[in-house]
PDB file of N, CA and C in Angstrom:
ATOM      1  N   MET A   1       0.837  -1.160   0.000  1.00  0.00           N
ATOM      2  CA  MET A   1       0.000   0.000   0.000  1.00  0.00           C
ATOM      3  C   MET A   1       0.891   1.235   0.000  1.00  0.00           C
ATOM      4  N   TYR A   2       0.546   2.189  -0.802  1.00  0.00           N
ATOM      5  CA  TYR A   2       1.252   3.458  -0.831  1.00  0.00           C
ATOM      6  C   TYR A   2       0.232   4.553  -0.560  1.00  0.00           C
ATOM      7  N   ALA A   3       0.462   5.273   0.508  1.00  0.00           N
ATOM      8  CA  ALA A   3      -0.479   6.333   0.861  1.00  0.00           C
ATOM      9  C   ALA A   3      -0.336   7.485  -0.109  1.00  0.00           C
ATOM     10  N   GLY A   4      -1.456   7.973  -0.618  1.00  0.00           N
ATOM     11  CA  GLY A   4      -1.440   9.080  -1.553  1.00  0.00           C
ATOM     12  C   GLY A   4      -1.901  10.381  -0.924  1.00  0.00           C
ATOM     13  N   LEU A   5      -2.555  10.284   0.206  1.00  0.00           N
ATOM     14  CA  LEU A   5      -3.098  11.453   0.890  1.00  0.00           C
ATOM     15  C   LEU A   5      -2.849  11.313   2.386  1.00  0.00           C
ATOM     16  N   ASN A   6      -2.999  12.382   3.113  1.00  0.00           N
ATOM     17  CA  ASN A   6      -2.958  12.306   4.564  1.00  0.00           C
ATOM     18  C   ASN A   6      -4.336  11.836   5.018  1.00  0.00           C
ATOM     19  N   THR A   7      -4.435  10.574   5.307  1.00  0.00           N
ATOM     20  CA  THR A   7      -5.710   9.944   5.590  1.00  0.00           C
ATOM     21  C   THR A   7      -5.872   9.716   7.081  1.00  0.00           C
ATOM     22  N   SER A   8      -7.059   9.974   7.591  1.00  0.00           N
ATOM     23  CA  SER A   8      -7.300   9.750   9.010  1.00  0.00           C
ATOM     24  C   SER A   8      -7.939   8.393   9.268  1.00  0.00           C
ATOM     25  N   PHE A   9      -8.468   7.750   8.231  1.00  0.00           N
ATOM     26  CA  PHE A   9      -9.123   6.455   8.403  1.00  0.00           C
ATOM     27  C   PHE A   9      -9.121   5.729   7.075  1.00  0.00           C
ATOM     28  N   ILE A  10      -8.611   4.514   7.089  1.00  0.00           N
ATOM     29  CA  ILE A  10      -8.672   3.671   5.889  1.00  0.00           C
ATOM     30  C   ILE A  10      -9.504   2.467   6.266  1.00  0.00           C
ATOM     31  N   GLY A  11     -10.718   2.459   5.802  1.00  0.00           N
ATOM     32  CA  GLY A  11     -11.607   1.356   6.123  1.00  0.00           C
ATOM     33  C   GLY A  11     -12.335   0.881   4.895  1.00  0.00           C
ATOM     34  N   ILE A  12     -12.925  -0.288   5.018  1.00  0.00           N
ATOM     35  CA  ILE A  12     -13.727  -0.801   3.917  1.00  0.00           C
ATOM     36  C   ILE A  12     -15.166  -0.951   4.413  1.00  0.00           C
ATOM     37  N   LEU A  13     -16.068  -0.866   3.477  1.00  0.00           N
ATOM     38  CA  LEU A  13     -17.481  -1.001   3.796  1.00  0.00           C
ATOM     39  C   LEU A  13     -17.788  -2.465   4.076  1.00  0.00           C
ATOM     40  N   GLU A  14     -18.163  -2.777   5.303  1.00  0.00           N
ATOM     41  CA  GLU A  14     -18.521  -4.142   5.684  1.00  0.00           C
ATOM     42  C   GLU A  14     -19.995  -4.397   5.381  1.00  0.00           C
ATOM     43  N   GLU A  15     -20.802  -3.424   5.731  1.00  0.00           N
ATOM     44  CA  GLU A  15     -22.225  -3.452   5.424  1.00  0.00           C
ATOM     45  C   GLU A  15     -22.703  -2.016   5.471  1.00  0.00           C
ATOM     46  N   ARG A  16     -23.903  -1.772   5.024  1.00  0.00           N
ATOM     47  CA  ARG A  16     -24.397  -0.410   4.938  1.00  0.00           C
ATOM     48  C   ARG A  16     -24.224   0.334   6.261  1.00  0.00           C
ATOM     49  N   GLY A  17     -23.471   1.424   6.219  1.00  0.00           N
ATOM     50  CA  GLY A  17     -23.246   2.260   7.385  1.00  0.00           C
ATOM     51  C   GLY A  17     -22.138   1.792   8.314  1.00  0.00           C
ATOM     52  N   ILE A  18     -21.469   0.691   7.987  1.00  0.00           N
ATOM     53  CA  ILE A  18     -20.400   0.176   8.852  1.00  0.00           C
ATOM     54  C   ILE A  18     -19.123   0.002   8.044  1.00  0.00           C
ATOM     55  N   TRP A  19     -18.103   0.751   8.439  1.00  0.00           N
ATOM     56  CA  TRP A  19     -16.788   0.633   7.819  1.00  0.00           C
ATOM     57  C   TRP A  19     -15.830   0.057   8.848  1.00  0.00           C
ATOM     58  N   THR A  20     -14.954  -0.824   8.411  1.00  0.00           N
ATOM     59  CA  THR A  20     -13.987  -1.447   9.301  1.00  0.00           C
ATOM     60  C   THR A  20     -12.589  -1.046   8.876  1.00  0.00           C
ATOM     61  N   GLU A  21     -11.809  -0.572   9.836  1.00  0.00           N
ATOM     62  CA  GLU A  21     -10.434  -0.161   9.552  1.00  0.00           C
ATOM     63  C   GLU A  21      -9.570  -1.391   9.319  1.00  0.00           C
ATOM     64  N   LYS A  22      -8.829  -1.386   8.245  1.00  0.00           N
ATOM     65  CA  LYS A  22      -7.917  -2.479   7.911  1.00  0.00           C
ATOM     66  C   LYS A  22      -6.468  -2.039   7.969  1.00  0.00           C
ATOM     67  N   CYS A  23      -6.228  -0.738   7.980  1.00  0.00           N
ATOM     68  CA  CYS A  23      -4.873  -0.195   7.987  1.00  0.00           C
ATOM     69  C   CYS A  23      -4.871   1.096   8.803  1.00  0.00           C
ATOM     70  N   ALA A  24      -3.907   1.228   9.689  1.00  0.00           N
ATOM     71  CA  ALA A  24      -3.808   2.427  10.521  1.00  0.00           C
ATOM     72  C   ALA A  24      -2.813   3.426   9.945  1.00  0.00           C
ATOM     73  N   THR A  25      -2.315   3.165   8.760  1.00  0.00           N
ATOM     74  CA  THR A  25      -1.314   4.011   8.092  1.00  0.00           C
ATOM     75  C   THR A  25      -0.191   4.408   9.040  1.00  0.00           C
ATOM     76  N   CYS A  26       0.394   3.393   9.668  1.00  0.00           N
ATOM     77  CA  CYS A  26       1.422   3.639  10.694  1.00  0.00           C
ATOM     78  C   CYS A  26       2.779   4.003  10.098  1.00  0.00           C
ATOM     79  N   GLY A  27       2.960   3.745   8.814  1.00  0.00           N
ATOM     80  CA  GLY A  27       4.233   4.072   8.181  1.00  0.00           C
ATOM     81  C   GLY A  27       5.267   2.975   8.279  1.00  0.00           C
ATOM     82  N   ALA A  28       4.933   1.863   8.910  1.00  0.00           N
ATOM     83  CA  ALA A  28       5.842   0.719   9.029  1.00  0.00           C
ATOM     84  C   ALA A  28       5.066  -0.541   8.659  1.00  0.00           C
ATOM     85  N   CYS A  29       4.672  -0.624   7.406  1.00  0.00           N
ATOM     86  CA  CYS A  29       3.759  -1.657   6.933  1.00  0.00           C
ATOM     87  C   CYS A  29       4.334  -3.069   7.074  1.00  0.00           C
ATOM     88  N   VAL A  30       3.514  -3.957   7.620  1.00  0.00           N
ATOM     89  CA  VAL A  30       3.893  -5.363   7.782  1.00  0.00           C
ATOM     90  C   VAL A  30       2.899  -6.285   7.071  1.00  0.00           C
ATOM     91  N   LEU A  31       2.062  -5.729   6.220  1.00  0.00           N
ATOM     92  CA  LEU A  31       1.054  -6.531   5.529  1.00  0.00           C
ATOM     93  C   LEU A  31       1.651  -7.702   4.761  1.00  0.00           C
ATOM     94  N   SER A  32       2.790  -7.498   4.150  1.00  0.00           N
ATOM     95  CA  SER A  32       3.403  -8.560   3.344  1.00  0.00           C
ATOM     96  C   SER A  32       3.875  -9.727   4.206  1.00  0.00           C
ATOM     97  N   GLU A  33       4.124  -9.498   5.480  1.00  0.00           N
ATOM     98  CA  GLU A  33       4.594 -10.558   6.373  1.00  0.00           C
ATOM     99  C   GLU A  33       3.451 -11.397   6.939  1.00  0.00           C
ATOM    100  N   TYR A  34       2.250 -10.848   6.964  1.00  0.00           N
ATOM    101  CA  TYR A  34       1.140 -11.504   7.646  1.00  0.00           C
ATOM    102  C   TYR A  34      -0.038 -11.793   6.715  1.00  0.00           C
ATOM    103  N   GLY A  35       0.241 -12.063   5.470  1.00  0.00           N
ATOM    104  CA  GLY A  35      -0.807 -12.465   4.542  1.00  0.00           C
ATOM    105  C   GLY A  35      -1.822 -11.388   4.243  1.00  0.00           C
ATOM    106  N   GLY A  36      -1.420 -10.135   4.344  1.00  0.00           N
ATOM    107  CA  GLY A  36      -2.322  -9.032   4.034  1.00  0.00           C
ATOM    108  C   GLY A  36      -3.227  -8.628   5.187  1.00  0.00           C
ATOM    109  N   ILE A  37      -2.994  -9.168   6.381  1.00  0.00           N
ATOM    110  CA  ILE A  37      -3.784  -8.816   7.558  1.00  0.00           C
ATOM    111  C   ILE A  37      -2.853  -8.118   8.534  1.00  0.00           C
ATOM    112  N   CYS A  38      -3.178  -6.910   8.899  1.00  0.00           N
ATOM    113  CA  CYS A  38      -2.298  -6.122   9.764  1.00  0.00           C
ATOM    114  C   CYS A  38      -2.590  -6.403  11.238  1.00  0.00           C
ATOM    115  N   PRO A  39      -1.624  -7.000  11.966  1.00  0.00           N
ATOM    116  CA  PRO A  39      -1.861  -7.242  13.379  1.00  0.00           C
ATOM    117  C   PRO A  39      -1.897  -5.961  14.203  1.00  0.00           C
ATOM    118  N   LEU A  40      -1.275  -4.905  13.713  1.00  0.00           N
ATOM    119  CA  LEU A  40      -1.292  -3.631  14.437  1.00  0.00           C
ATOM    120  C   LEU A  40      -2.681  -3.012  14.427  1.00  0.00           C
ATOM    121  N   THR A  41      -3.408  -3.215  13.351  1.00  0.00           N
ATOM    122  CA  THR A  41      -4.745  -2.654  13.240  1.00  0.00           C
ATOM    123  C   THR A  41      -5.799  -3.614  13.760  1.00  0.00           C
ATOM    124  N   ARG A  42      -5.664  -4.885  13.439  1.00  0.00           N
ATOM    125  CA  ARG A  42      -6.711  -5.845  13.732  1.00  0.00           C
ATOM    126  C   ARG A  42      -6.631  -6.471  15.125  1.00  0.00           C
ATOM    127  N   CYS A  43      -5.429  -6.531  15.715  1.00  0.00           N
ATOM    128  CA  CYS A  43      -5.272  -7.114  17.047  1.00  0.00           C
ATOM    129  C   CYS A  43      -5.477  -6.021  18.099  1.00  0.00           C
ATOM    130  N   ALA A  44      -6.367  -6.255  19.051  1.00  0.00           N
ATOM    131  CA  ALA A  44      -6.654  -5.256  20.079  1.00  0.00           C
ATOM    132  C   ALA A  44      -5.421  -4.932  20.914  1.00  0.00           C
ATOM    133  N   LYS A  45      -4.507  -5.886  21.048  1.00  0.00           N
ATOM    134  CA  LYS A  45      -3.290  -5.671  21.830  1.00  0.00           C
ATOM    135  C   LYS A  45      -2.094  -5.323  20.951  1.00  0.00           C
ATOM    136  N   ARG A  46      -2.318  -5.272  19.643  1.00  0.00           N
ATOM    137  CA  ARG A  46      -1.286  -4.914  18.653  1.00  0.00           C
ATOM    138  C   ARG A  46      -0.039  -5.785  18.767  1.00  0.00           C
ATOM    139  N   LEU A  47      -0.258  -7.073  18.931  1.00  0.00           N
ATOM    140  CA  LEU A  47       0.847  -8.017  19.052  1.00  0.00           C
ATOM    141  C   LEU A  47       1.419  -8.351  17.686  1.00  0.00           C
ATOM    142  N   LEU A  48       2.745  -8.424  17.596  1.00  0.00           N
ATOM    143  CA  LEU A  48       3.413  -8.644  16.317  1.00  0.00           C
ATOM    144  C   LEU A  48       3.953 -10.052  16.104  1.00  0.00           C
ATOM    145  N   ASN A  49       4.022 -10.876  17.116  1.00  0.00           N
ATOM    146  CA  ASN A  49       4.670 -12.167  16.948  1.00  0.00           C
ATOM    147  C   ASN A  49       3.800 -13.384  17.240  1.00  0.00           C
ATOM    148  N   SER A  50       2.678 -13.194  17.870  1.00  0.00           N
ATOM    149  CA  SER A  50       1.807 -14.335  18.155  1.00  0.00           C
ATOM    150  C   SER A  50       0.542 -13.824  18.847  1.00  0.00           C
ATOM    151  N   PRO A  51      -0.454 -14.708  18.957  1.00  0.00           N
ATOM    152  CA  PRO A  51      -1.649 -14.311  19.696  1.00  0.00           C
ATOM    153  C   PRO A  51      -1.355 -14.205  21.184  1.00  0.00           C
ATOM    154  N   CYS A  52      -2.238 -13.566  21.907  1.00  0.00           N
ATOM    155  CA  CYS A  52      -2.028 -13.316  23.328  1.00  0.00           C
ATOM    156  C   CYS A  52      -2.279 -14.534  24.199  1.00  0.00           C
ATOM    157  N   GLY A  53      -3.042 -15.479  23.731  1.00  0.00           N
ATOM    158  CA  GLY A  53      -3.374 -16.642  24.534  1.00  0.00           C
ATOM    159  C   GLY A  53      -4.700 -16.490  25.247  1.00  0.00           C
ATOM    160  N   GLY A  54      -5.306 -15.341  25.133  1.00  0.00           N
ATOM    161  CA  GLY A  54      -6.583 -15.114  25.798  1.00  0.00           C
ATOM    162  C   GLY A  54      -7.783 -15.290  24.892  1.00  0.00           C
ATOM    163  N   SER A  55      -7.553 -15.476  23.600  1.00  0.00           N
ATOM    164  CA  SER A  55      -8.681 -15.626  22.678  1.00  0.00           C
ATOM    165  C   SER A  55      -9.344 -16.984  22.902  1.00  0.00           C
ATOM    166  N   ARG A  56     -10.633 -17.037  22.696  1.00  0.00           N
ATOM    167  CA  ARG A  56     -11.403 -18.272  22.860  1.00  0.00           C
ATOM    168  C   ARG A  56     -12.288 -18.468  21.647  1.00  0.00           C
ATOM    169  N   GLU A  57     -12.239 -19.695  21.113  1.00  0.00           N
ATOM    170  CA  GLU A  57     -13.063 -20.061  19.963  1.00  0.00           C
ATOM    171  C   GLU A  57     -12.962 -19.019  18.852  1.00  0.00           C
ATOM    172  N   ASP A  58     -11.756 -18.625  18.534  1.00  0.00           N
ATOM    173  CA  ASP A  58     -11.379 -17.665  17.490  1.00  0.00           C
ATOM    174  C   ASP A  58     -11.882 -16.246  17.729  1.00  0.00           C
ATOM    175  N   ARG A  59     -12.312 -15.933  18.949  1.00  0.00           N
ATOM    176  CA  ARG A  59     -12.779 -14.595  19.311  1.00  0.00           C
ATOM    177  C   ARG A  59     -11.709 -13.862  20.098  1.00  0.00           C
ATOM    178  N   CYS A  60     -11.625 -12.555  19.895  1.00  0.00           N
ATOM    179  CA  CYS A  60     -10.662 -11.703  20.591  1.00  0.00           C
ATOM    180  C   CYS A  60     -10.992 -11.647  22.082  1.00  0.00           C
ATOM    181  N   GLU A  61      -9.958 -11.675  22.905  1.00  0.00           N
ATOM    182  CA  GLU A  61     -10.130 -11.600  24.359  1.00  0.00           C
ATOM    183  C   GLU A  61     -10.668 -10.230  24.778  1.00  0.00           C
ATOM    184  N   VAL A  62     -10.195  -9.185  24.115  1.00  0.00           N
ATOM    185  CA  VAL A  62     -10.570  -7.821  24.475  1.00  0.00           C
ATOM    186  C   VAL A  62     -11.930  -7.458  23.914  1.00  0.00           C
ATOM    187  N   ARG A  63     -12.156  -7.791  22.644  1.00  0.00           N
ATOM    188  CA  ARG A  63     -13.414  -7.484  21.964  1.00  0.00           C
ATOM    189  C   ARG A  63     -14.033  -8.781  21.463  1.00  0.00           C
ATOM    190  N   THR A  64     -14.872  -9.398  22.253  1.00  0.00           N
ATOM    191  CA  THR A  64     -15.419 -10.710  21.900  1.00  0.00           C
ATOM    192  C   THR A  64     -16.346 -10.682  20.687  1.00  0.00           C
ATOM    193  N   ASP A  65     -16.734  -9.490  20.253  1.00  0.00           N
ATOM    194  CA  ASP A  65     -17.561  -9.385  19.056  1.00  0.00           C
ATOM    195  C   ASP A  65     -16.712  -9.454  17.780  1.00  0.00           C
ATOM    196  N   ARG A  66     -15.393  -9.554  17.939  1.00  0.00           N
ATOM    197  CA  ARG A  66     -14.480  -9.584  16.790  1.00  0.00           C
ATOM    198  C   ARG A  66     -13.675 -10.873  16.765  1.00  0.00           C
ATOM    199  N   GLN A  67     -13.323 -11.288  15.542  1.00  0.00           N
ATOM    200  CA  GLN A  67     -12.455 -12.444  15.399  1.00  0.00           C
ATOM    201  C   GLN A  67     -11.042 -12.087  15.834  1.00  0.00           C
ATOM    202  N   CYS A  68     -10.336 -13.052  16.386  1.00  0.00           N
ATOM    203  CA  CYS A  68      -8.937 -12.857  16.761  1.00  0.00           C
ATOM    204  C   CYS A  68      -8.126 -12.619  15.491  1.00  0.00           C
ATOM    205  N   ALA A  69      -7.380 -11.534  15.457  1.00  0.00           N
ATOM    206  CA  ALA A  69      -6.571 -11.198  14.279  1.00  0.00           C
ATOM    207  C   ALA A  69      -5.578 -12.304  13.973  1.00  0.00           C
ATOM    208  N   TRP A  70      -5.024 -12.903  15.000  1.00  0.00           N
ATOM    209  CA  TRP A  70      -4.028 -13.954  14.787  1.00  0.00           C
ATOM    210  C   TRP A  70      -4.648 -15.223  14.242  1.00  0.00           C
ATOM    211  N   GLN A  71      -5.902 -15.474  14.547  1.00  0.00           N
ATOM    212  CA  GLN A  71      -6.603 -16.602  13.934  1.00  0.00           C
ATOM    213  C   GLN A  71      -6.782 -16.331  12.448  1.00  0.00           C
ATOM    214  N   LEU A  72      -7.134 -15.082  12.111  1.00  0.00           N
ATOM    215  CA  LEU A  72      -7.279 -14.706  10.702  1.00  0.00           C
ATOM    216  C   LEU A  72      -5.944 -14.821   9.969  1.00  0.00           C
ATOM    217  N   ILE A  73      -4.869 -14.358  10.602  1.00  0.00           N
ATOM    218  CA  ILE A  73      -3.540 -14.419   9.994  1.00  0.00           C
ATOM    219  C   ILE A  73      -3.141 -15.874   9.766  1.00  0.00           C
ATOM    220  N   TYR A  74      -3.334 -16.716  10.773  1.00  0.00           N
ATOM    221  CA  TYR A  74      -2.982 -18.132  10.650  1.00  0.00           C
ATOM    222  C   TYR A  74      -3.759 -18.783   9.504  1.00  0.00           C
ATOM    223  N   GLN A  75      -5.061 -18.552   9.476  1.00  0.00           N
ATOM    224  CA  GLN A  75      -5.888 -19.153   8.428  1.00  0.00           C
ATOM    225  C   GLN A  75      -5.453 -18.695   7.038  1.00  0.00           C
ATOM    226  N   ARG A  76      -5.165 -17.410   6.885  1.00  0.00           N
ATOM    227  CA  ARG A  76      -4.752 -16.893   5.584  1.00  0.00           C
ATOM    228  C   ARG A  76      -3.410 -17.475   5.156  1.00  0.00           C
ATOM    229  N   LEU A  77      -2.414 -17.474   6.061  1.00  0.00           N
ATOM    230  CA  LEU A  77      -1.101 -18.006   5.719  1.00  0.00           C
ATOM    231  C   LEU A  77      -1.161 -19.504   5.429  1.00  0.00           C
ATOM    232  N   LYS A  78      -1.995 -20.219   6.143  1.00  0.00           N
ATOM    233  CA  LYS A  78      -2.163 -21.649   5.876  1.00  0.00           C
ATOM    234  C   LYS A  78      -2.778 -21.864   4.495  1.00  0.00           C
ATOM    235  N   ARG A  79      -3.785 -21.071   4.166  1.00  0.00           N
ATOM    236  CA  ARG A  79      -4.474 -21.200   2.882  1.00  0.00           C
ATOM    237  C   ARG A  79      -3.536 -20.936   1.705  1.00  0.00           C
ATOM    238  N   ILE A  80      -2.588 -19.999   1.879  1.00  0.00           N
ATOM    239  CA  ILE A  80      -1.679 -19.684   0.767  1.00  0.00           C
ATOM    240  C   ILE A  80      -0.346 -20.410   0.886  1.00  0.00           C
ATOM    241  N   GLY A  81      -0.252 -21.351   1.837  1.00  0.00           N
ATOM    242  CA  GLY A  81       0.935 -22.180   1.965  1.00  0.00           C
ATOM    243  C   GLY A  81       2.169 -21.438   2.451  1.00  0.00           C
ATOM    244  N   GLN A  82       1.991 -20.461   3.344  1.00  0.00           N
ATOM    245  CA  GLN A  82       3.119 -19.667   3.824  1.00  0.00           C
ATOM    246  C   GLN A  82       3.178 -19.604   5.353  1.00  0.00           C
ATOM    247  N   LEU A  83       2.837 -20.691   6.022  1.00  0.00           N
ATOM    248  CA  LEU A  83       2.889 -20.717   7.487  1.00  0.00           C
ATOM    249  C   LEU A  83       4.298 -20.500   8.027  1.00  0.00           C
ATOM    250  N   ASP A  84       5.314 -20.788   7.213  1.00  0.00           N
ATOM    251  CA  ASP A  84       6.692 -20.594   7.667  1.00  0.00           C
ATOM    252  C   ASP A  84       6.991 -19.131   7.980  1.00  0.00           C
ATOM    253  N   ARG A  85       6.201 -18.205   7.487  1.00  0.00           N
ATOM    254  CA  ARG A  85       6.389 -16.779   7.812  1.00  0.00           C
ATOM    255  C   ARG A  85       6.231 -16.517   9.310  1.00  0.00           C
ATOM    256  N   LEU A  86       5.466 -17.357   9.995  1.00  0.00           N
ATOM    257  CA  LEU A  86       5.227 -17.168  11.420  1.00  0.00           C
ATOM    258  C   LEU A  86       6.442 -17.534  12.271  1.00  0.00           C
ATOM    259  N   LYS A  87       7.438 -18.165  11.687  1.00  0.00           N
ATOM    260  CA  LYS A  87       8.655 -18.512  12.422  1.00  0.00           C
ATOM    261  C   LYS A  87       9.581 -17.305  12.595  1.00  0.00           C
ATOM    262  N   LYS A  88       9.386 -16.294  11.777  1.00  0.00           N
ATOM    263  CA  LYS A  88      10.226 -15.096  11.838  1.00  0.00           C
ATOM    264  C   LYS A  88       9.799 -14.226  13.024  1.00  0.00           C
ATOM    265  N   ILE A  89      10.781 -13.792  13.815  1.00  0.00           N
ATOM    266  CA  ILE A  89      10.497 -12.905  14.946  1.00  0.00           C
ATOM    267  C   ILE A  89      10.548 -11.459  14.462  1.00  0.00           C
ATOM    268  N   THR A  90       9.475 -10.740  14.687  1.00  0.00           N
ATOM    269  CA  THR A  90       9.405  -9.338  14.298  1.00  0.00           C
ATOM    270  C   THR A  90       9.880  -8.482  15.469  1.00  0.00           C
ATOM    271  N   PRO A  91      10.826  -7.558  15.230  1.00  0.00           N
ATOM    272  CA  PRO A  91      11.310  -6.714  16.332  1.00  0.00           C
ATOM    273  C   PRO A  91      10.212  -5.770  16.830  1.00  0.00           C
ATOM    274  N   PRO A  92      10.356  -5.258  18.051  1.00  0.00           N
ATOM    275  CA  PRO A  92       9.359  -4.338  18.590  1.00  0.00           C
ATOM    276  C   PRO A  92       9.167  -3.121  17.684  1.00  0.00           C
ATOM    277  N   LYS A  93       7.949  -2.645  17.641  1.00  0.00           N
ATOM    278  CA  LYS A  93       7.614  -1.475  16.822  1.00  0.00           C
ATOM    279  C   LYS A  93       7.988  -0.191  17.569  1.00  0.00           C
ATOM    280  N   ASN A  94       8.432   0.776  16.817  1.00  0.00           N
ATOM    281  CA  ASN A  94       8.678   2.109  17.360  1.00  0.00           C
ATOM    282  C   ASN A  94       7.321   2.812  17.457  1.00  0.00           C
ATOM    283  N   TRP A  95       6.803   2.945  18.669  1.00  0.00           N
ATOM    284  CA  TRP A  95       5.472   3.517  18.855  1.00  0.00           C
ATOM    285  C   TRP A  95       5.476   5.039  18.900  1.00  0.00           C
ATOM    286  N   ASN A  96       6.636   5.680  18.822  1.00  0.00           N
ATOM    287  CA  ASN A  96       6.689   7.137  18.887  1.00  0.00           C
ATOM    288  C   ASN A  96       5.782   7.828  17.874  1.00  0.00           C
ATOM    289  N   PRO A  97       5.769   7.410  16.601  1.00  0.00           N
ATOM    290  CA  PRO A  97       4.905   8.109  15.644  1.00  0.00           C
ATOM    291  C   PRO A  97       3.470   7.580  15.608  1.00  0.00           C
ATOM    292  N   SER A  98       3.069   6.755  16.560  1.00  0.00           N
ATOM    293  CA  SER A  98       1.755   6.125  16.499  1.00  0.00           C
ATOM    294  C   SER A  98       0.635   7.083  16.889  1.00  0.00           C
ATOM    295  N   LEU A  99      -0.576   6.621  16.671  1.00  0.00           N
ATOM    296  CA  LEU A  99      -1.761   7.424  17.000  1.00  0.00           C
ATOM    297  C   LEU A  99      -2.079   7.401  18.490  1.00  0.00           C
ATOM    298  N   ASP A 100      -1.521   6.437  19.226  1.00  0.00           N
ATOM    299  CA  ASP A 100      -1.864   6.322  20.642  1.00  0.00           C
ATOM    300  C   ASP A 100      -1.386   7.503  21.468  1.00  0.00           C
ATOM    301  N   GLY A 101      -0.401   8.207  21.006  1.00  0.00           N
ATOM    302  CA  GLY A 101       0.113   9.353  21.736  1.00  0.00           C
ATOM    303  C   GLY A 101      -0.587  10.644  21.362  1.00  0.00           C
ATOM    304  N   GLY A 102      -1.720  10.549  20.734  1.00  0.00           N
ATOM    305  CA  GLY A 102      -2.440  11.740  20.269  1.00  0.00           C
ATOM    306  C   GLY A 102      -2.288  11.894  18.770  1.00  0.00           C
ATOM    307  N   TYR A 103      -2.658  13.012  18.267  1.00  0.00           N
ATOM    308  CA  TYR A 103      -2.600  13.216  16.828  1.00  0.00           C
ATOM    309  C   TYR A 103      -1.158  13.359  16.361  1.00  0.00           C
ATOM    310  N   ARG A 104      -0.937  12.937  15.131  1.00  0.00           N
ATOM    311  CA  ARG A 104       0.399  12.994  14.572  1.00  0.00           C
ATOM    312  C   ARG A 104       0.611  14.320  13.865  1.00  0.00           C
ATOM    313  N   VAL A 105       1.821  14.802  13.921  1.00  0.00           N
ATOM    314  CA  VAL A 105       2.184  16.039  13.244  1.00  0.00           C
ATOM    315  C   VAL A 105       3.362  15.750  12.333  1.00  0.00           C
ATOM    316  N   ILE A 106       3.219  16.127  11.091  1.00  0.00           N
ATOM    317  CA  ILE A 106       4.315  16.002  10.145  1.00  0.00           C
ATOM    318  C   ILE A 106       4.738  17.411   9.772  1.00  0.00           C
ATOM    319  N   VAL A 107       5.996  17.718   9.946  1.00  0.00           N
ATOM    320  CA  VAL A 107       6.510  19.042   9.636  1.00  0.00           C
ATOM    321  C   VAL A 107       7.481  18.920   8.479  1.00  0.00           C
ATOM    322  N   ARG A 108       7.205  19.648   7.405  1.00  0.00           N
ATOM    323  CA  ARG A 108       8.131  19.707   6.291  1.00  0.00           C
ATOM    324  C   ARG A 108       8.676  21.125   6.241  1.00  0.00           C
ATOM    325  N   GLU A 109       9.905  21.246   6.690  1.00  0.00           N
ATOM    326  CA  GLU A 109      10.539  22.553   6.761  1.00  0.00           C
ATOM    327  C   GLU A 109      10.586  23.243   5.395  1.00  0.00           C
ATOM    328  N   ASP A 110      10.701  22.492   4.329  1.00  0.00           N
ATOM    329  CA  ASP A 110      10.761  23.085   2.994  1.00  0.00           C
ATOM    330  C   ASP A 110       9.442  23.714   2.560  1.00  0.00           C
ATOM    331  N   HIS A 111       8.371  23.503   3.318  1.00  0.00           N
ATOM    332  CA  HIS A 111       7.086  24.106   2.988  1.00  0.00           C
ATOM    333  C   HIS A 111       6.709  25.228   3.945  1.00  0.00           C
ATOM    334  N   ARG A 112       7.498  25.433   4.963  1.00  0.00           N
ATOM    335  CA  ARG A 112       7.175  26.475   5.941  1.00  0.00           C
ATOM    336  C   ARG A 112       7.633  27.848   5.442  1.00  0.00           C
ATOM    337  N   ILE A 113       6.941  28.857   5.879  1.00  0.00           N
ATOM    338  CA  ILE A 113       7.295  30.233   5.503  1.00  0.00           C
ATOM    339  C   ILE A 113       8.014  30.897   6.637  1.00  0.00           C
TER     340      ILE A 113
END
C-alpha cells in the first residue's frame, strides 16, 4: 500500500453504514509478512509475533464481538501455503509516531514560511 493522501481512516465497507479499519497508516507496513492482515490494526493488543493466549473459539479476548486477528492471519497463511512466515520474529515497533500518543504532526521545513 502506498499512501497518496494524509488519511485519518482507511476502512472498507462491511455493510451499509459500517466501515472497518484495515490499515492504521502507521508508516511501518507489515502486511506482506502476515498475509495481508495487519496485526497492528486488527489485534486489540497490537501483538506482532503471536496471539495473546486469551482468545477463545477464534474470538478476541478484548473485543469478543471480533475475530482474533491472529486466527485470521494463521488461516490466511495456511491457505496460501506460507505458514513458515510465522517462524520469523518481528522486532518491537517504534510507537513514537503512532496514533496512541495523540494526533500525529508532520513538519516539512521546505514548505514552511
